[in-house]
Amino acid sequence: MRRSILKCSLLMGLAISLLSPTAIASEGTQEDPVVVASKTFPESYVLAELLSQLLEADGFVVDRKFGLSGTNVCYEGLINDEIDVYPEYTGTLAQAVLKLDERLDYEQINYRIAHLGIEGLEPFGFNNTYAMALRRELSIELGLTRVSQLIDHPDLKVAVTHEFLEREDGWPHLQRIYGLTAVPQGIEHALALRAIADGSIDITDGFSTDAELQEYDIVLLEDDRGAFPLYHALPLIRSDLSPAIHRALDQLGSKIDEPIMLRLNRDVVVDNKTFAEVANSFLVELGLASKATNLATGRGGKLTANVIRHLQLTGIALLSATLLGLLVSLAVYRVGWLSRGVVYICGLMQTIPSIALLALMIPLLGIGMKPAIAALFLYSLLPIVRNTVTSLSTTDPMLVRVAEAMGMSQLERLRYVLVPLAMPSVFAGIRTSAVICIGTATLAAFIGAGGLGDPIVTGLALNDTGLILQGAIPAALLAVATELIFEGLERLVIPGHLKVFGAKQAEQGT
């Protein structure tokens, strides 16, 4: 039994070590690539890809971290030196980031953020303001043309994006200015306009450069009380980057007006071109880049790289949770109140929504793999600890007394009786944690950790089912493969009679 357990541990350790970051060669050739990020809507992807290709045209190596979950994640990543540049908007900086009621222009914003070591470069040249959107047919039927008229139609179904629902320049501000009483639901931006078109909802928030406005015949209500500030798009960048990087990115200053941005968005969303293709064509049009023959930065990314990164995230987190969970369980199982307290604390981790736990890790660990692994580690603890504590503490007392009568010490009873009998339940807990880890790890893409969540996040932004399946299907197959691998390990490590005993013990524990 001891040899089997040791063999299992060595196999797990070898597998995880092969998946560790140091075992995979770096994709870049430059020691410190420029990290370009984006948020989760198509326009942000397009602008980030434009910035990336501009830098690459000037000889810089770029690390793309696209699809980060909202303003706070991007901004925290920037001020914590996790990313170097991302597209932002002046109105968002003034009200959602700096929490100011006053409206600031580009120069005033730069003055306010200078002490943080970041700055906004020259704006791209267009204003993509928030607006309330509805179907043209409904607008004509109700005579709705201005936001102030919404107060006369409280029965309309309102759903707005999650970020708009919370940020100060979003729904709360709109309610104060217009006295709106509706209680909106949250919805992903990529799904909102389609939901408007098919009648699932009546009102949502949109952007003036949304490509779907014409496709779905959607109109924007006039902001007749001026609730929304100007949202001039610009590159937000770390001030300490080399002047050459600043000069490269400044080339897009005042080069993109509203019609151009609408066209670029439409090329991606409606015509199904990749972000890389659209960005390259526009830069060639401006004479800022040459025509690319091999655009590797398409919509979905590389399947192999995504799978490897997903295995890294889940493998490291699962191994860490297994080792710590088993050690803690062995230390506390004999003390009832202490073991219950440990299980209770592990259970609390499960009550925190996955994306919220990931976001909570950013101030501590930044963005990328570290916070993702930490969050996955915390989520993996409960099944391991609960199963181990339960199986150790509910072992048949008769067997324990027999071991005592044989003169076994506490350590010997643990080693030769309790642990072998608990192994089926322990393995069940690790298997459960592994499957949870694989599924939850898809959300790691929202904080720049990569993995199979990347195509899912991009697919959500573009409402592209094919892209979503590029991440969802491999993740499901990984979960099935994990179940089969653990089943094989169980057959290797656990004798048949202990499996039967463990099943009966699990039934008694529940």
Protein backbone atom coordinates (compact mmCIF):
# COMPACT_ATOMS: atom_id res chain seq x y z
CA MET A 1 0.00 0.00 0.00
CA ARG A 2 2.76 2.45 0.93
CA ARG A 3 4.54 1.77 -2.35
CA SER A 4 1.34 2.30 -4.29
CA ILE A 5 0.65 5.61 -2.58
CA LEU A 6 4.23 6.71 -3.20
CA LYS A 7 3.96 5.67 -6.84
CA CYS A 8 0.74 7.67 -7.24
CA SER A 9 2.30 10.74 -5.63
CA LEU A 10 5.35 10.52 -7.88
CA LEU A 11 3.16 10.23 -10.97
CA MET A 12 1.14 13.28 -9.96
CA GLY A 13 4.28 15.26 -9.15
CA LEU A 14 5.87 14.37 -12.49
CA ALA A 15 2.74 15.36 -14.41
CA ILE A 16 2.49 18.72 -12.67
CA SER A 17 6.19 19.46 -13.06
CA LEU A 18 5.86 18.93 -16.80
CA LEU A 19 3.05 21.47 -16.83
CA SER A 20 4.88 24.10 -14.80
CA PRO A 21 5.64 27.44 -16.46
CA THR A 22 9.38 26.72 -16.53
CA ALA A 23 8.83 23.55 -18.52
CA ILE A 24 7.33 25.46 -21.42
CA ALA A 25 9.52 27.64 -23.55
CA SER A 26 8.75 31.28 -23.78
CA GLU A 27 6.94 32.25 -26.95
CA GLY A 28 8.66 35.62 -27.26
CA THR A 29 12.23 36.40 -28.21
CA GLN A 30 12.52 39.61 -26.23
CA GLU A 31 13.14 39.50 -22.50
CA ASP A 32 10.49 42.10 -21.68
CA PRO A 33 7.75 42.24 -24.31
CA VAL A 34 5.27 45.11 -24.36
CA VAL A 35 2.05 43.86 -22.75
CA VAL A 36 -1.04 45.16 -24.57
CA ALA A 37 -4.45 44.51 -23.01
CA SER A 38 -8.08 45.02 -23.95
CA LYS A 39 -11.51 44.79 -22.36
CA THR A 40 -14.17 42.31 -23.44
CA PHE A 41 -16.05 44.20 -26.17
CA PRO A 42 -15.12 44.16 -29.90
CA GLU A 43 -14.01 47.80 -30.18
CA SER A 44 -11.49 47.34 -27.38
CA TYR A 45 -10.10 44.24 -29.11
CA VAL A 46 -9.75 46.16 -32.39
CA LEU A 47 -7.98 49.13 -30.80
CA ALA A 48 -5.68 46.86 -28.79
CA GLU A 49 -4.78 44.93 -31.93
CA LEU A 50 -4.02 48.20 -33.75
CA LEU A 51 -1.67 49.19 -30.92
CA SER A 52 -0.06 45.75 -30.94
CA GLN A 53 0.62 45.74 -34.67
CA LEU A 54 1.96 49.29 -34.56
CA LEU A 55 4.50 48.20 -31.96
CA GLU A 56 5.40 45.08 -33.92
CA ALA A 57 5.90 47.16 -37.06
CA ASP A 58 8.49 49.16 -35.10
CA GLY A 59 10.32 46.02 -33.99
CA PHE A 60 8.85 45.47 -30.52
CA VAL A 61 7.75 42.08 -29.22
CA VAL A 62 4.14 42.19 -27.98
CA ASP A 63 2.38 40.05 -25.41
CA ARG A 64 -1.36 40.29 -25.95
CA LYS A 65 -3.66 40.00 -22.92
CA PHE A 66 -7.01 40.65 -24.56
CA GLY A 67 -10.46 40.19 -23.03
CA LEU A 68 -9.77 41.37 -19.46
CA SER A 69 -12.90 41.69 -17.36
CA GLY A 70 -13.75 45.38 -17.33
CA THR A 71 -12.19 48.70 -16.46
CA ASN A 72 -11.02 47.86 -12.94
CA VAL A 73 -9.05 44.79 -14.01
CA CYS A 74 -7.29 46.67 -16.84
CA TYR A 75 -6.58 49.72 -14.70
CA GLU A 76 -5.29 47.68 -11.74
CA GLY A 77 -3.09 45.72 -14.11
CA LEU A 78 -1.65 48.95 -15.51
CA ILE A 79 -0.82 50.67 -12.23
CA ASN A 80 0.63 47.40 -10.86
CA ASP A 81 2.95 47.05 -13.90
CA GLU A 82 1.21 43.87 -15.07
CA ILE A 83 0.30 45.43 -18.42
CA ASP A 84 1.85 48.32 -20.34
CA VAL A 85 -0.96 49.83 -22.40
CA TYR A 86 -4.65 49.36 -23.13
CA PRO A 87 -7.38 51.42 -24.89
CA GLU A 88 -9.44 53.55 -22.50
CA TYR A 89 -11.95 56.41 -22.66
CA THR A 90 -11.76 59.85 -21.08
CA GLY A 91 -15.25 59.67 -19.58
CA THR A 92 -14.49 56.28 -18.05
CA LEU A 93 -11.24 57.56 -16.55
CA ALA A 94 -12.87 60.64 -15.05
CA GLN A 95 -15.94 59.04 -13.53
CA ALA A 96 -15.41 55.28 -13.19
CA VAL A 97 -11.71 55.34 -12.26
CA LEU A 98 -11.04 58.73 -10.64
CA LYS A 99 -14.60 58.86 -9.20
CA LEU A 100 -15.04 62.54 -10.11
CA ASP A 101 -18.33 64.26 -10.81
CA GLU A 102 -16.67 66.94 -12.88
CA ARG A 103 -15.98 66.44 -16.57
CA LEU A 104 -12.33 66.48 -17.51
CA ASP A 105 -10.62 66.83 -20.87
CA TYR A 106 -7.55 64.93 -22.00
CA GLU A 107 -5.02 67.34 -20.46
CA GLN A 108 -6.86 67.53 -17.12
CA ILE A 109 -7.04 63.74 -16.88
CA ASN A 110 -3.31 63.43 -17.50
CA TYR A 111 -2.65 65.96 -14.74
CA ARG A 112 -4.79 63.94 -12.30
CA ILE A 113 -3.15 60.57 -13.04
CA ALA A 114 0.48 61.71 -13.43
CA HIS A 115 1.41 60.71 -9.86
CA LEU A 116 0.29 57.13 -10.56
CA GLY A 117 2.99 56.63 -13.19
CA ILE A 118 0.54 56.41 -16.08
CA GLU A 119 -0.62 58.78 -18.80
CA GLY A 120 -3.00 59.00 -21.72
CA LEU A 121 -1.49 59.44 -25.18
CA GLU A 122 -3.10 61.57 -27.87
CA PRO A 123 -6.73 60.43 -28.38
CA PHE A 124 -7.52 58.29 -31.43
CA GLY A 125 -9.97 60.91 -32.68
CA PHE A 126 -13.47 59.60 -31.98
CA ASN A 127 -16.01 59.88 -29.18
CA ASN A 128 -17.76 56.62 -28.32
CA THR A 129 -20.32 57.79 -25.83
CA TYR A 130 -22.81 55.70 -23.90
CA ALA A 131 -26.41 55.79 -25.14
CA MET A 132 -29.68 54.04 -24.40
CA ALA A 133 -30.78 51.82 -27.26
CA LEU A 134 -34.06 50.27 -28.43
CA ARG A 135 -35.64 48.83 -31.57
CA ARG A 136 -36.63 51.37 -34.20
CA GLU A 137 -40.07 49.77 -34.42
CA LEU A 138 -40.64 50.27 -30.68
CA SER A 139 -39.27 53.82 -30.83
CA ILE A 140 -41.79 54.73 -33.52
CA GLU A 141 -44.66 52.90 -31.81
CA LEU A 142 -44.16 54.70 -28.47
CA GLY A 143 -42.79 57.94 -29.85
CA LEU A 144 -39.59 57.41 -27.84
CA THR A 145 -36.72 59.60 -29.01
CA ARG A 146 -35.24 60.99 -25.75
CA VAL A 147 -34.01 59.39 -22.54
CA SER A 148 -36.25 61.67 -20.46
CA GLN A 149 -39.30 59.97 -21.98
CA LEU A 150 -38.39 56.63 -20.40
CA ILE A 151 -39.94 57.76 -17.11
CA ASP A 152 -43.34 57.58 -18.81
CA HIS A 153 -42.81 53.91 -19.71
CA PRO A 154 -41.87 52.08 -16.50
CA ASP A 155 -43.19 48.78 -17.91
CA LEU A 156 -40.41 48.48 -20.48
CA LYS A 157 -37.96 45.63 -19.90
CA VAL A 158 -34.55 47.13 -19.19
CA ALA A 159 -31.29 45.12 -19.16
CA VAL A 160 -27.89 46.78 -19.15
CA THR A 161 -24.32 45.54 -19.10
CA HIS A 162 -22.96 44.51 -15.72
CA GLU A 163 -20.31 47.23 -15.66
CA PHE A 164 -22.81 49.93 -16.68
CA LEU A 165 -25.13 48.72 -13.92
CA GLU A 166 -22.55 49.51 -11.22
CA ARG A 167 -20.26 52.30 -12.44
CA GLU A 168 -20.88 55.86 -11.37
CA ASP A 169 -21.27 57.22 -14.90
CA GLY A 170 -23.69 54.43 -15.78
CA TRP A 171 -27.15 53.46 -14.57
CA PRO A 172 -26.92 55.06 -11.09
CA HIS A 173 -25.98 58.39 -12.70
CA LEU A 174 -28.75 58.04 -15.28
CA GLN A 175 -31.28 57.40 -12.52
CA ARG A 176 -30.24 60.54 -10.64
CA ILE A 177 -30.35 62.78 -13.70
CA TYR A 178 -33.60 61.47 -15.19
CA GLY A 179 -35.43 60.10 -12.15
CA LEU A 180 -35.78 56.63 -13.68
CA THR A 181 -37.46 54.00 -11.51
CA ALA A 182 -36.89 50.83 -13.56
CA VAL A 183 -34.84 48.03 -11.99
CA PRO A 184 -32.66 46.67 -14.80
CA GLN A 185 -31.14 43.22 -15.08
CA GLY A 186 -27.49 42.60 -15.95
CA ILE A 187 -26.53 41.23 -19.37
CA GLU A 188 -23.36 40.76 -21.42
CA HIS A 189 -22.85 43.52 -24.00
CA ALA A 190 -22.44 41.03 -26.84
CA LEU A 191 -25.89 39.58 -26.08
CA ALA A 192 -27.74 42.80 -25.28
CA LEU A 193 -28.34 44.17 -28.78
CA ARG A 194 -29.39 40.77 -30.08
CA ALA A 195 -31.81 40.51 -27.15
CA ILE A 196 -33.19 43.92 -28.16
CA ALA A 197 -33.62 42.74 -31.74
CA ASP A 198 -35.51 39.56 -30.85
CA GLY A 199 -37.72 41.35 -28.29
CA SER A 200 -36.36 39.65 -25.16
CA ILE A 201 -35.66 43.09 -23.69
CA ASP A 202 -36.73 46.61 -24.69
CA ILE A 203 -33.96 48.95 -23.49
CA THR A 204 -30.23 48.49 -23.02
CA ASP A 205 -27.07 50.57 -22.93
CA GLY A 206 -25.07 50.83 -26.12
CA PHE A 207 -22.21 52.73 -27.67
CA SER A 208 -22.43 55.22 -30.47
CA THR A 209 -19.97 53.18 -32.56
CA ASP A 210 -21.64 49.78 -32.04
CA ALA A 211 -21.54 47.84 -35.31
CA GLU A 212 -24.79 46.01 -34.61
CA LEU A 213 -26.92 49.19 -34.57
CA GLN A 214 -27.54 49.10 -38.32
CA GLU A 215 -27.66 45.32 -38.54
CA TYR A 216 -30.46 45.02 -35.96
CA ASP A 217 -32.15 48.32 -36.87
CA ILE A 218 -31.58 49.79 -33.42
CA VAL A 219 -31.77 53.50 -32.60
CA LEU A 220 -30.17 55.49 -29.79
CA LEU A 221 -32.17 57.81 -27.56
CA GLU A 222 -31.07 61.43 -27.32
CA ASP A 223 -29.32 62.20 -24.03
CA ASP A 224 -31.38 65.40 -23.70
CA ARG A 225 -30.09 66.27 -20.21
CA GLY A 226 -26.44 65.60 -20.97
CA ALA A 227 -25.99 62.76 -18.48
CA PHE A 228 -23.13 61.10 -20.34
CA PRO A 229 -19.72 62.79 -20.62
CA LEU A 230 -17.50 62.62 -23.69
CA TYR A 231 -15.74 59.30 -24.15
CA HIS A 232 -12.72 60.07 -26.30
CA ALA A 233 -10.75 56.86 -26.84
CA LEU A 234 -7.01 56.95 -26.18
CA PRO A 235 -4.11 54.63 -25.33
CA LEU A 236 -3.55 54.57 -21.55
CA ILE A 237 0.11 53.73 -20.97
CA ARG A 238 2.75 53.43 -18.29
CA SER A 239 4.84 56.60 -18.16
CA ASP A 240 8.13 54.79 -17.60
CA LEU A 241 8.08 52.96 -20.93
CA SER A 242 10.71 53.95 -23.46
CA PRO A 243 10.09 57.06 -25.59
CA ALA A 244 10.26 54.83 -28.67
CA ILE A 245 7.13 52.98 -27.49
CA HIS A 246 5.33 56.28 -26.88
CA ARG A 247 6.28 57.51 -30.35
CA ALA A 248 5.11 54.29 -31.99
CA LEU A 249 1.69 54.45 -30.35
CA ASP A 250 1.26 58.19 -30.93
CA GLN A 251 1.10 57.49 -34.66
CA LEU A 252 -2.61 56.68 -34.30
CA GLY A 253 -3.40 60.03 -32.69
CA SER A 254 -6.39 61.71 -34.41
CA LYS A 255 -6.41 59.04 -37.15
CA ILE A 256 -9.75 57.39 -36.29
CA ASP A 257 -13.05 59.28 -36.41
CA GLU A 258 -16.53 57.88 -35.62
CA PRO A 259 -17.33 56.61 -39.15
CA ILE A 260 -13.95 54.88 -39.39
CA MET A 261 -14.36 53.22 -36.00
CA LEU A 262 -17.87 52.12 -36.92
CA ARG A 263 -16.47 50.58 -40.12
CA LEU A 264 -13.71 48.73 -38.27
CA ASN A 265 -16.19 47.38 -35.73
CA ARG A 266 -18.53 46.30 -38.51
CA ASP A 267 -15.72 44.47 -40.32
CA VAL A 268 -15.24 42.33 -37.22
CA VAL A 269 -18.77 41.88 -35.91
CA VAL A 270 -20.78 41.73 -39.14
CA ASP A 271 -18.28 40.63 -41.80
CA ASN A 272 -16.57 38.09 -39.49
CA LYS A 273 -13.03 39.26 -40.14
CA THR A 274 -10.43 38.67 -37.45
CA PHE A 275 -9.16 41.51 -35.28
CA ALA A 276 -5.71 41.03 -36.78
CA GLU A 277 -6.98 41.26 -40.37
CA VAL A 278 -9.00 44.41 -39.70
CA ALA A 279 -6.14 46.09 -37.84
CA ASN A 280 -3.57 45.22 -40.48
CA SER A 281 -5.73 46.45 -43.35
CA PHE A 282 -6.30 49.79 -41.64
CA LEU A 283 -2.63 50.29 -40.75
CA VAL A 284 -1.66 49.48 -44.35
CA GLU A 285 -4.27 52.01 -45.49
CA LEU A 286 -2.59 54.64 -43.28
CA GLY A 287 0.89 53.64 -44.44
CA LEU A 288 1.92 52.64 -40.91
CA ALA A 289 2.51 48.93 -41.59
CA SER A 290 3.13 46.56 -44.45
CA LYS A 291 0.65 43.96 -45.63
CA ALA A 292 0.93 40.92 -43.38
CA THR A 293 0.96 37.49 -44.98
CA ASN A 294 0.67 35.46 -41.77
CA LEU A 295 -1.73 36.88 -39.21
CA ALA A 296 -1.43 34.54 -36.23
CA THR A 297 -3.55 36.62 -33.88
CA GLY A 298 -6.97 35.58 -35.09
CA ARG A 299 -10.17 35.30 -33.14
CA GLY A 300 -9.68 32.08 -31.31
CA GLY A 301 -5.98 31.77 -30.65
CA LYS A 302 -4.04 28.50 -30.78
CA LEU A 303 -5.74 25.42 -29.41
CA THR A 304 -2.54 23.69 -28.32
CA ALA A 305 -1.24 26.75 -26.45
CA ASN A 306 -4.63 27.23 -24.79
CA VAL A 307 -4.80 23.60 -23.67
CA ILE A 308 -1.25 23.70 -22.26
CA ARG A 309 -1.95 26.89 -20.33
CA HIS A 310 -5.23 25.42 -19.04
CA LEU A 311 -3.37 22.34 -17.81
CA GLN A 312 -0.79 24.56 -16.13
CA LEU A 313 -3.43 26.50 -14.24
CA THR A 314 -5.43 23.50 -13.11
CA GLY A 315 -2.46 21.20 -12.50
CA ILE A 316 -0.51 23.56 -10.26
CA ALA A 317 -3.62 24.58 -8.33
CA LEU A 318 -4.82 21.00 -7.89
CA LEU A 319 -1.45 19.65 -6.73
CA SER A 320 -1.08 22.49 -4.22
CA ALA A 321 -4.63 21.98 -2.91
CA THR A 322 -4.10 18.23 -2.65
CA LEU A 323 -0.88 18.50 -0.68
CA LEU A 324 -2.11 21.20 1.70
CA GLY A 325 -5.60 19.72 2.01
CA LEU A 326 -4.28 16.31 3.00
CA LEU A 327 -1.78 17.74 5.49
CA VAL A 328 -4.40 19.97 7.13
CA SER A 329 -6.94 17.12 7.26
CA LEU A 330 -4.46 14.78 8.90
CA ALA A 331 -3.64 17.45 11.46
CA VAL A 332 -7.21 18.31 12.51
CA TYR A 333 -9.42 15.23 11.98
CA ARG A 334 -9.16 14.07 15.62
CA VAL A 335 -10.49 17.36 17.05
CA GLY A 336 -14.17 17.67 16.17
CA TRP A 337 -14.65 21.41 16.54
CA LEU A 338 -11.37 22.18 14.77
CA SER A 339 -12.04 19.87 11.82
CA ARG A 340 -15.56 21.28 11.42
CA GLY A 341 -14.13 24.80 11.49
CA VAL A 342 -11.59 23.99 8.77
CA VAL A 343 -14.28 22.42 6.56
CA TYR A 344 -16.51 25.45 7.19
CA ILE A 345 -13.76 27.88 6.12
CA CYS A 346 -13.08 25.86 2.96
CA GLY A 347 -16.81 25.91 2.27
CA LEU A 348 -16.89 29.69 2.56
CA MET A 349 -14.47 29.87 -0.38
CA GLN A 350 -17.02 28.03 -2.51
CA THR A 351 -19.70 30.64 -1.75
CA ILE A 352 -17.68 33.44 -3.35
CA PRO A 353 -18.55 33.74 -7.08
CA SER A 354 -15.64 32.64 -9.25
CA ILE A 355 -15.15 35.91 -11.10
CA ALA A 356 -15.38 37.85 -7.83
CA LEU A 357 -12.69 35.70 -6.21
CA LEU A 358 -10.45 36.21 -9.25
CA ALA A 359 -10.96 39.97 -9.05
CA LEU A 360 -10.20 39.99 -5.31
CA MET A 361 -6.82 38.42 -6.05
CA ILE A 362 -5.72 41.21 -8.41
CA PRO A 363 -4.66 43.79 -5.76
CA LEU A 364 -2.57 41.09 -4.08
CA LEU A 365 -1.11 39.21 -7.03
CA GLY A 366 -1.77 41.36 -10.09
CA ILE A 367 -3.21 39.75 -13.23
CA GLY A 368 -2.22 36.63 -15.09
CA MET A 369 -1.43 33.14 -13.83
CA LYS A 370 -0.64 33.85 -10.16
CA PRO A 371 -4.07 35.15 -9.08
CA ALA A 372 -5.80 32.52 -11.22
CA ILE A 373 -3.85 29.68 -9.61
CA ALA A 374 -4.48 31.13 -6.14
CA ALA A 375 -8.23 31.30 -6.76
CA LEU A 376 -8.37 27.80 -8.26
CA PHE A 377 -6.37 26.50 -5.29
CA LEU A 378 -8.94 27.90 -2.85
CA TYR A 379 -11.83 26.43 -4.86
CA SER A 380 -10.18 23.00 -4.91
CA LEU A 381 -9.76 22.66 -1.14
CA LEU A 382 -13.31 21.87 -0.03
CA PRO A 383 -13.89 18.45 -1.67
CA ILE A 384 -10.42 17.25 -0.67
CA VAL A 385 -10.60 18.42 2.94
CA ARG A 386 -14.22 17.39 3.50
CA ASN A 387 -13.77 13.89 2.07
CA THR A 388 -10.50 13.30 3.92
CA VAL A 389 -11.73 14.58 7.30
CA THR A 390 -15.01 12.68 7.00
CA SER A 391 -13.39 9.39 6.03
CA LEU A 392 -10.71 9.60 8.75
CA SER A 393 -13.12 10.59 11.51
CA THR A 394 -15.78 7.98 10.64
CA THR A 395 -13.54 4.92 10.41
CA ASP A 396 -15.18 1.91 12.08
CA PRO A 397 -14.32 2.24 15.83
CA MET A 398 -13.97 -1.55 16.07
CA LEU A 399 -11.04 -1.46 13.65
CA VAL A 400 -9.42 1.35 15.61
CA ARG A 401 -9.78 -0.62 18.88
CA VAL A 402 -8.30 -3.72 17.24
CA ALA A 403 -5.32 -1.66 16.10
CA GLU A 404 -4.91 -0.28 19.60
CA ALA A 405 -5.10 -3.80 21.05
CA MET A 406 -2.32 -4.85 18.72
CA GLY A 407 -0.13 -2.21 20.34
CA MET A 408 -0.03 0.20 17.40
CA SER A 409 0.91 3.80 18.15
CA GLN A 410 -1.22 6.71 16.92
CA LEU A 411 1.14 7.23 13.98
CA GLU A 412 1.08 3.53 13.10
CA ARG A 413 -2.73 3.42 13.25
CA LEU A 414 -2.85 6.41 10.94
CA ARG A 415 -0.31 4.91 8.57
CA TYR A 416 -1.52 1.32 8.40
CA VAL A 417 -5.25 1.56 9.15
CA LEU A 418 -6.87 4.98 8.81
CA VAL A 419 -5.13 6.29 5.69
CA PRO A 420 -5.51 3.07 3.62
CA LEU A 421 -9.20 2.83 4.53
CA ALA A 422 -9.72 6.50 3.70
CA MET A 423 -8.04 6.36 0.27
CA PRO A 424 -11.20 5.71 -1.82
CA SER A 425 -12.91 8.74 -0.29
CA VAL A 426 -9.75 10.86 -0.60
CA PHE A 427 -9.46 10.00 -4.28
CA ALA A 428 -13.13 10.88 -4.82
CA GLY A 429 -12.48 14.32 -3.32
CA ILE A 430 -9.43 14.92 -5.52
CA ARG A 431 -11.38 13.85 -8.62
CA THR A 432 -14.19 16.24 -7.76
CA SER A 433 -11.71 19.08 -7.22
CA ALA A 434 -10.02 18.34 -10.54
CA VAL A 435 -13.27 18.65 -12.48
CA ILE A 436 -14.22 21.85 -10.61
CA CYS A 437 -10.78 23.26 -11.35
CA ILE A 438 -10.98 22.55 -15.08
CA GLY A 439 -14.38 24.21 -15.40
CA THR A 440 -13.59 27.23 -13.24
CA ALA A 441 -10.25 27.82 -14.98
CA THR A 442 -12.07 29.01 -18.10
CA LEU A 443 -12.88 32.21 -16.17
CA ALA A 444 -9.16 32.89 -15.69
CA ALA A 445 -9.08 34.46 -19.15
CA PHE A 446 -10.94 37.46 -17.69
CA ILE A 447 -7.80 38.35 -15.70
CA GLY A 448 -5.27 37.63 -18.43
CA ALA A 449 -4.30 34.10 -17.41
CA GLY A 450 -5.14 32.57 -20.79
CA GLY A 451 -6.25 28.97 -21.22
CA LEU A 452 -9.37 27.62 -22.85
CA GLY A 453 -11.31 30.62 -21.55
CA ASP A 454 -9.66 32.83 -24.20
CA PRO A 455 -11.77 31.67 -27.16
CA ILE A 456 -14.84 31.60 -24.90
CA VAL A 457 -14.35 35.24 -23.85
CA THR A 458 -13.70 36.32 -27.45
CA GLY A 459 -16.73 34.36 -28.63
CA LEU A 460 -18.91 36.07 -26.04
CA ALA A 461 -17.65 39.47 -27.20
CA LEU A 462 -18.52 38.65 -30.80
CA ASN A 463 -21.58 36.49 -30.08
CA ASP A 464 -19.80 33.75 -32.01
CA THR A 465 -20.96 30.27 -31.00
CA GLY A 466 -18.15 28.61 -32.94
CA LEU A 467 -15.51 30.42 -30.91
CA ILE A 468 -17.24 29.61 -27.64
CA LEU A 469 -17.23 25.93 -28.57
CA GLN A 470 -13.49 26.12 -29.35
CA GLY A 471 -12.98 26.60 -25.63
CA ALA A 472 -15.97 24.76 -24.18
CA ILE A 473 -15.53 21.45 -26.01
CA PRO A 474 -11.81 20.96 -25.16
CA ALA A 475 -12.56 21.91 -21.54
CA ALA A 476 -15.29 19.27 -21.41
CA LEU A 477 -12.98 16.68 -22.98
CA LEU A 478 -10.28 17.54 -20.42
CA ALA A 479 -12.79 16.94 -17.63
CA VAL A 480 -13.70 13.53 -19.08
CA ALA A 481 -10.02 12.64 -19.56
CA THR A 482 -9.30 13.65 -15.97
CA GLU A 483 -12.05 11.35 -14.70
CA LEU A 484 -10.59 8.44 -16.70
CA ILE A 485 -7.04 9.15 -15.50
CA PHE A 486 -8.10 9.21 -11.86
CA GLU A 487 -10.13 6.07 -12.37
CA GLY A 488 -6.98 4.38 -13.65
CA LEU A 489 -4.95 5.67 -10.71
CA GLU A 490 -7.56 4.35 -8.30
CA ARG A 491 -7.30 0.89 -9.84
CA LEU A 492 -3.52 1.10 -9.56
CA VAL A 493 -3.40 2.31 -5.96
CA ILE A 494 -6.51 1.01 -4.17
CA PRO A 495 -7.26 -2.70 -3.77
CA GLY A 496 -10.76 -3.81 -4.66
CA HIS A 497 -11.83 -4.73 -1.12
CA LEU A 498 -10.92 -1.21 0.09
CA LYS A 499 -13.05 0.34 -2.64
CA VAL A 500 -16.07 -1.56 -1.36
CA PHE A 501 -15.27 -0.60 2.21
CA GLY A 502 -14.74 3.04 1.20
CA ALA A 503 -18.09 3.16 -0.55
CA LYS A 504 -19.87 1.86 2.55
CA GLN A 505 -17.93 4.33 4.70
CA ALA A 506 -18.91 7.21 2.42
CA GLU A 507 -22.57 6.19 2.69
CA GLN A 508 -22.32 6.15 6.47
CA GLY A 509 -20.60 9.56 6.45
CA THR A 510 -23.38 11.11 4.45
